Amino acid sequence: MHEIKGGTGVEIATLAIAAVGMAVAAYGAYATAKDQQDTLKARAKAKDEDAAIALQAGQEAANRQREKDKRLLNSFGAAAAGRGVVAHEGSALLQELDFASKSELEAQHVEYGYKINAREKNVEASFMKWQASKISPETSMGMSLLSSAGSIAGSYGTSGLGGGGATTPKAAPSTYAMRGAAGEDF
């Protein structure tokens, strides 16, 4: 069997373990980034669906308001006839027209609130989609690999593994002696 130059079996095993750790860390970075991206996409889809529901609810609320006001408008003719006024002519007609325009403005006002709510949800969804597009699981994995490789290379070089790197100097042990007032050591 040929000896691998640059290190003992322990050093080689240490490097192999470090390489496995590097791969696990890279996969973890990839999976985390992918989960973030998928979560943002799912939340954006839900916001878009909420916006569509809000628009539909607004249209239905406006239609309910119009139907309610239509029933009231129809009662104007009966009320005018009860007072002896000709319905749908003259001042009675002006009252009906005034009520009808206010009624339509109220229906539009009701619907507008729902439209604003839907627009907010659409903006939130667009922002989440943009955020998801900026996440790159592959880049996260690559950065993790490079970072781990740099750490391993730095450890390999500074610890003297493989016989080729610089060694870290060891500090000399320091001793402290306590001296008494007369100069004696304790």
C-alpha atoms as a PDB file:
ATOM      1  CA  MET A   1       0.000   0.000   0.000  1.00  0.00           C
ATOM      2  CA  HIS A   2       1.301   3.435  -0.891  1.00  0.00           C
ATOM      3  CA  GLU A   3       1.634   6.079   1.763  1.00  0.00           C
ATOM      4  CA  ILE A   4      -0.209   9.308   1.086  1.00  0.00           C
ATOM      5  CA  LYS A   5       2.253  12.141   1.267  1.00  0.00           C
ATOM      6  CA  GLY A   6       1.500  15.133   3.415  1.00  0.00           C
ATOM      7  CA  GLY A   7       0.024  13.632   6.517  1.00  0.00           C
ATOM      8  CA  THR A   8      -0.492  10.753   8.852  1.00  0.00           C
ATOM      9  CA  GLY A   9      -3.555   8.559   8.885  1.00  0.00           C
ATOM     10  CA  VAL A  10      -5.079  10.677  11.648  1.00  0.00           C
ATOM     11  CA  GLU A  11      -4.565  13.854   9.655  1.00  0.00           C
ATOM     12  CA  ILE A  12      -6.110  12.303   6.560  1.00  0.00           C
ATOM     13  CA  ALA A  13      -9.070  11.015   8.585  1.00  0.00           C
ATOM     14  CA  THR A  14      -9.510  14.478  10.068  1.00  0.00           C
ATOM     15  CA  LEU A  15      -9.578  15.989   6.597  1.00  0.00           C
ATOM     16  CA  ALA A  16     -12.085  13.370   5.428  1.00  0.00           C
ATOM     17  CA  ILE A  17     -14.362  14.136   8.385  1.00  0.00           C
ATOM     18  CA  ALA A  18     -14.020  17.846   7.657  1.00  0.00           C
ATOM     19  CA  ALA A  19     -14.961  17.224   4.022  1.00  0.00           C
ATOM     20  CA  VAL A  20     -18.078  15.310   5.085  1.00  0.00           C
ATOM     21  CA  GLY A  21     -18.962  18.149   7.457  1.00  0.00           C
ATOM     22  CA  MET A  22     -18.442  20.594   4.622  1.00  0.00           C
ATOM     23  CA  ALA A  23     -20.871  18.641   2.414  1.00  0.00           C
ATOM     24  CA  VAL A  24     -23.480  18.441   5.182  1.00  0.00           C
ATOM     25  CA  ALA A  25     -23.201  22.174   5.855  1.00  0.00           C
ATOM     26  CA  ALA A  26     -23.528  22.926   2.135  1.00  0.00           C
ATOM     27  CA  TYR A  27     -26.649  20.776   1.853  1.00  0.00           C
ATOM     28  CA  GLY A  28     -28.073  22.468   4.958  1.00  0.00           C
ATOM     29  CA  ALA A  29     -27.494  25.900   3.425  1.00  0.00           C
ATOM     30  CA  TYR A  30     -29.128  24.768   0.171  1.00  0.00           C
ATOM     31  CA  ALA A  31     -32.146  23.240   1.946  1.00  0.00           C
ATOM     32  CA  THR A  32     -32.646  26.310   4.143  1.00  0.00           C
ATOM     33  CA  ALA A  33     -32.533  28.695   1.192  1.00  0.00           C
ATOM     34  CA  LYS A  34     -34.854  26.453  -0.843  1.00  0.00           C
ATOM     35  CA  ASP A  35     -37.335  26.284   2.068  1.00  0.00           C
ATOM     36  CA  GLN A  36     -37.286  30.086   2.386  1.00  0.00           C
ATOM     37  CA  GLN A  37     -37.863  30.443  -1.339  1.00  0.00           C
ATOM     38  CA  ASP A  38     -40.726  27.914  -1.364  1.00  0.00           C
ATOM     39  CA  THR A  39     -42.349  29.511   1.691  1.00  0.00           C
ATOM     40  CA  LEU A  40     -42.262  32.960   0.092  1.00  0.00           C
ATOM     41  CA  LYS A  41     -43.746  31.616  -3.139  1.00  0.00           C
ATOM     42  CA  ALA A  42     -46.552  29.850  -1.244  1.00  0.00           C
ATOM     43  CA  ARG A  43     -47.312  32.953   0.817  1.00  0.00           C
ATOM     44  CA  ALA A  44     -47.366  35.083  -2.346  1.00  0.00           C
ATOM     45  CA  LYS A  45     -49.819  32.692  -3.971  1.00  0.00           C
ATOM     46  CA  ALA A  46     -52.055  32.853  -0.887  1.00  0.00           C
ATOM     47  CA  LYS A  47     -51.930  36.672  -0.941  1.00  0.00           C
ATOM     48  CA  ASP A  48     -52.916  36.702  -4.622  1.00  0.00           C
ATOM     49  CA  GLU A  49     -55.846  34.399  -3.851  1.00  0.00           C
ATOM     50  CA  ASP A  50     -56.854  36.614  -0.917  1.00  0.00           C
ATOM     51  CA  ALA A  51     -56.783  39.634  -3.239  1.00  0.00           C
ATOM     52  CA  ALA A  52     -59.092  37.914  -5.732  1.00  0.00           C
ATOM     53  CA  ILE A  53     -61.472  36.989  -2.902  1.00  0.00           C
ATOM     54  CA  ALA A  54     -61.439  40.582  -1.621  1.00  0.00           C
ATOM     55  CA  LEU A  55     -62.313  41.919  -5.090  1.00  0.00           C
ATOM     56  CA  GLN A  56     -65.177  39.445  -5.393  1.00  0.00           C
ATOM     57  CA  ALA A  57     -66.427  40.306  -1.912  1.00  0.00           C
ATOM     58  CA  GLY A  58     -66.309  44.007  -2.812  1.00  0.00           C
ATOM     59  CA  GLN A  59     -68.376  43.466  -5.914  1.00  0.00           C
ATOM     60  CA  GLU A  60     -70.920  41.454  -3.952  1.00  0.00           C
ATOM     61  CA  ALA A  61     -71.104  44.067  -1.177  1.00  0.00           C
ATOM     62  CA  ALA A  62     -71.619  46.833  -3.754  1.00  0.00           C
ATOM     63  CA  ASN A  63     -74.349  44.801  -5.460  1.00  0.00           C
ATOM     64  CA  ARG A  64     -76.092  44.252  -2.107  1.00  0.00           C
ATOM     65  CA  GLN A  65     -75.941  48.005  -1.483  1.00  0.00           C
ATOM     66  CA  ARG A  66     -77.401  48.699  -4.937  1.00  0.00           C
ATOM     67  CA  GLU A  67     -80.236  46.203  -4.407  1.00  0.00           C
ATOM     68  CA  LYS A  68     -81.089  47.709  -1.024  1.00  0.00           C
ATOM     69  CA  ASP A  69     -81.089  51.211  -2.484  1.00  0.00           C
ATOM     70  CA  LYS A  70     -83.124  50.051  -5.490  1.00  0.00           C
ATOM     71  CA  ARG A  71     -85.881  48.839  -3.155  1.00  0.00           C
ATOM     72  CA  LEU A  72     -85.832  52.189  -1.381  1.00  0.00           C
ATOM     73  CA  LEU A  73     -85.884  54.047  -4.702  1.00  0.00           C
ATOM     74  CA  ASN A  74     -88.901  52.031  -5.827  1.00  0.00           C
ATOM     75  CA  SER A  75     -90.723  53.040  -2.656  1.00  0.00           C
ATOM     76  CA  PHE A  76     -90.367  56.721  -3.645  1.00  0.00           C
ATOM     77  CA  GLY A  77     -93.125  56.346  -6.265  1.00  0.00           C
ATOM     78  CA  ALA A  78     -95.559  54.858  -3.753  1.00  0.00           C
ATOM     79  CA  ALA A  79     -94.725  57.532  -1.174  1.00  0.00           C
ATOM     80  CA  ALA A  80     -95.230  60.301  -3.725  1.00  0.00           C
ATOM     81  CA  ALA A  81     -98.585  58.861  -4.809  1.00  0.00           C
ATOM     82  CA  GLY A  82     -99.636  58.637  -1.147  1.00  0.00           C
ATOM     83  CA  ARG A  83     -98.993  62.366  -0.794  1.00  0.00           C
ATOM     84  CA  GLY A  84    -100.943  63.110  -3.932  1.00  0.00           C
ATOM     85  CA  VAL A  85     -97.844  63.995  -5.968  1.00  0.00           C
ATOM     86  CA  VAL A  86     -97.298  62.674  -9.477  1.00  0.00           C
ATOM     87  CA  ALA A  87     -94.566  60.028  -9.221  1.00  0.00           C
ATOM     88  CA  HIS A  88     -91.456  60.157 -11.392  1.00  0.00           C
ATOM     89  CA  GLU A  89     -92.028  63.771 -12.470  1.00  0.00           C
ATOM     90  CA  GLY A  90     -91.045  67.188 -11.219  1.00  0.00           C
ATOM     91  CA  SER A  91     -89.725  67.480  -7.669  1.00  0.00           C
ATOM     92  CA  ALA A  92     -90.400  63.777  -6.994  1.00  0.00           C
ATOM     93  CA  LEU A  93     -88.168  62.914  -9.938  1.00  0.00           C
ATOM     94  CA  LEU A  94     -85.442  65.240  -8.626  1.00  0.00           C
ATOM     95  CA  GLN A  95     -85.558  63.443  -5.260  1.00  0.00           C
ATOM     96  CA  GLU A  96     -85.308  60.082  -6.998  1.00  0.00           C
ATOM     97  CA  LEU A  97     -82.353  61.225  -9.106  1.00  0.00           C
ATOM     98  CA  ASP A  98     -80.603  62.685  -6.082  1.00  0.00           C
ATOM     99  CA  PHE A  99     -81.133  59.464  -4.119  1.00  0.00           C
ATOM    100  CA  ALA A 100     -80.004  57.342  -7.073  1.00  0.00           C
ATOM    101  CA  SER A 101     -76.726  59.258  -7.477  1.00  0.00           C
ATOM    102  CA  LYS A 102     -76.005  59.133  -3.722  1.00  0.00           C
ATOM    103  CA  SER A 103     -76.890  55.450  -3.741  1.00  0.00           C
ATOM    104  CA  GLU A 104     -74.435  54.680  -6.537  1.00  0.00           C
ATOM    105  CA  LEU A 105     -71.686  56.686  -4.810  1.00  0.00           C
ATOM    106  CA  GLU A 106     -72.291  54.678  -1.628  1.00  0.00           C
ATOM    107  CA  ALA A 107     -72.077  51.396  -3.556  1.00  0.00           C
ATOM    108  CA  GLN A 108     -68.814  52.514  -5.162  1.00  0.00           C
ATOM    109  CA  HIS A 109     -67.495  53.611  -1.775  1.00  0.00           C
ATOM    110  CA  VAL A 110     -68.262  50.179  -0.303  1.00  0.00           C
ATOM    111  CA  GLU A 111     -66.518  48.457  -3.211  1.00  0.00           C
ATOM    112  CA  TYR A 112     -63.530  50.818  -3.062  1.00  0.00           C
ATOM    113  CA  GLY A 113     -62.583  49.644   0.439  1.00  0.00           C
ATOM    114  CA  TYR A 114     -62.394  46.080  -0.820  1.00  0.00           C
ATOM    115  CA  LYS A 115     -60.347  47.164  -3.845  1.00  0.00           C
ATOM    116  CA  ILE A 116     -57.814  48.883  -1.588  1.00  0.00           C
ATOM    117  CA  ASN A 117     -57.573  45.740   0.536  1.00  0.00           C
ATOM    118  CA  ALA A 118     -57.056  43.630  -2.596  1.00  0.00           C
ATOM    119  CA  ARG A 119     -54.380  46.011  -3.890  1.00  0.00           C
ATOM    120  CA  GLU A 120     -52.467  45.797  -0.596  1.00  0.00           C
ATOM    121  CA  LYS A 121     -52.507  42.017  -0.864  1.00  0.00           C
ATOM    122  CA  ASN A 122     -51.292  42.180  -4.473  1.00  0.00           C
ATOM    123  CA  VAL A 123     -48.405  44.447  -3.465  1.00  0.00           C
ATOM    124  CA  GLU A 124     -47.451  42.092  -0.617  1.00  0.00           C
ATOM    125  CA  ALA A 125     -47.593  39.138  -3.018  1.00  0.00           C
ATOM    126  CA  SER A 126     -45.399  40.953  -5.548  1.00  0.00           C
ATOM    127  CA  PHE A 127     -42.848  41.768  -2.855  1.00  0.00           C
ATOM    128  CA  MET A 128     -42.758  38.137  -1.693  1.00  0.00           C
ATOM    129  CA  LYS A 129     -42.274  36.953  -5.276  1.00  0.00           C
ATOM    130  CA  TRP A 130     -39.420  39.435  -5.673  1.00  0.00           C
ATOM    131  CA  GLN A 131     -37.829  38.230  -2.433  1.00  0.00           C
ATOM    132  CA  ALA A 132     -38.146  34.605  -3.565  1.00  0.00           C
ATOM    133  CA  SER A 133     -36.492  35.460  -6.877  1.00  0.00           C
ATOM    134  CA  LYS A 134     -33.495  36.909  -5.036  1.00  0.00           C
ATOM    135  CA  ILE A 135     -32.884  33.716  -3.040  1.00  0.00           C
ATOM    136  CA  SER A 136     -30.550  31.287  -4.756  1.00  0.00           C
ATOM    137  CA  PRO A 137     -30.201  27.932  -3.018  1.00  0.00           C
ATOM    138  CA  GLU A 138     -27.302  27.089  -5.317  1.00  0.00           C
ATOM    139  CA  THR A 139     -25.452  30.265  -4.368  1.00  0.00           C
ATOM    140  CA  SER A 140     -26.047  29.588  -0.667  1.00  0.00           C
ATOM    141  CA  MET A 141     -24.630  26.097  -1.117  1.00  0.00           C
ATOM    142  CA  GLY A 142     -21.614  27.436  -3.007  1.00  0.00           C
ATOM    143  CA  MET A 143     -20.912  30.061  -0.369  1.00  0.00           C
ATOM    144  CA  SER A 144     -21.097  27.408   2.325  1.00  0.00           C
ATOM    145  CA  LEU A 145     -18.693  25.158   0.414  1.00  0.00           C
ATOM    146  CA  LEU A 146     -16.214  27.992  -0.116  1.00  0.00           C
ATOM    147  CA  SER A 147     -16.407  29.085   3.498  1.00  0.00           C
ATOM    148  CA  SER A 148     -15.909  25.546   4.767  1.00  0.00           C
ATOM    149  CA  ALA A 149     -13.091  24.899   2.330  1.00  0.00           C
ATOM    150  CA  GLY A 150     -11.362  28.074   3.478  1.00  0.00           C
ATOM    151  CA  SER A 151     -11.702  27.036   7.107  1.00  0.00           C
ATOM    152  CA  ILE A 152     -10.360  23.568   6.413  1.00  0.00           C
ATOM    153  CA  ALA A 153      -7.450  24.939   4.376  1.00  0.00           C
ATOM    154  CA  GLY A 154      -6.656  27.448   7.088  1.00  0.00           C
ATOM    155  CA  SER A 155      -6.725  24.761   9.770  1.00  0.00           C
ATOM    156  CA  TYR A 156      -4.640  22.429   7.657  1.00  0.00           C
ATOM    157  CA  GLY A 157      -2.037  25.079   6.957  1.00  0.00           C
ATOM    158  CA  THR A 158      -1.705  26.620  10.419  1.00  0.00           C
ATOM    159  CA  SER A 159      -1.715  23.412  12.426  1.00  0.00           C
ATOM    160  CA  GLY A 160       1.193  21.976  10.528  1.00  0.00           C
ATOM    161  CA  LEU A 161      -0.840  19.052   9.214  1.00  0.00           C
ATOM    162  CA  GLY A 162       0.718  17.638   6.148  1.00  0.00           C
ATOM    163  CA  GLY A 163       4.087  19.121   6.990  1.00  0.00           C
ATOM    164  CA  GLY A 164       3.702  22.061   4.623  1.00  0.00           C
ATOM    165  CA  GLY A 165       2.056  24.864   6.515  1.00  0.00           C
ATOM    166  CA  ALA A 166       3.183  27.470   8.913  1.00  0.00           C
ATOM    167  CA  THR A 167       3.021  26.534  12.537  1.00  0.00           C
ATOM    168  CA  THR A 168       1.531  28.557  15.289  1.00  0.00           C
ATOM    169  CA  PRO A 169       4.175  29.529  17.848  1.00  0.00           C
ATOM    170  CA  LYS A 170       3.572  28.249  21.351  1.00  0.00           C
ATOM    171  CA  ALA A 171       3.657  30.731  24.179  1.00  0.00           C
ATOM    172  CA  ALA A 172       6.235  30.164  26.858  1.00  0.00           C
ATOM    173  CA  PRO A 173       4.693  29.164  30.170  1.00  0.00           C
ATOM    174  CA  SER A 174       4.724  31.980  32.607  1.00  0.00           C
ATOM    175  CA  THR A 175       5.379  31.612  36.299  1.00  0.00           C
ATOM    176  CA  TYR A 176       4.479  34.030  38.966  1.00  0.00           C
ATOM    177  CA  ALA A 177       6.253  34.171  42.209  1.00  0.00           C
ATOM    178  CA  MET A 178       4.876  35.944  45.202  1.00  0.00           C
ATOM    179  CA  ARG A 179       7.376  37.777  47.306  1.00  0.00           C
ATOM    180  CA  GLY A 180       7.011  38.889  50.815  1.00  0.00           C
ATOM    181  CA  ALA A 181       8.044  42.223  52.276  1.00  0.00           C
ATOM    182  CA  ALA A 182      11.500  40.853  53.037  1.00  0.00           C
ATOM    183  CA  GLY A 183      11.974  39.561  49.473  1.00  0.00           C
ATOM    184  CA  GLU A 184      11.343  35.885  50.219  1.00  0.00           C
ATOM    185  CA  ASP A 185       9.415  33.757  47.672  1.00  0.00           C
ATOM    186  CA  PHE A 186       6.226  32.054  48.728  1.00  0.00           C
END
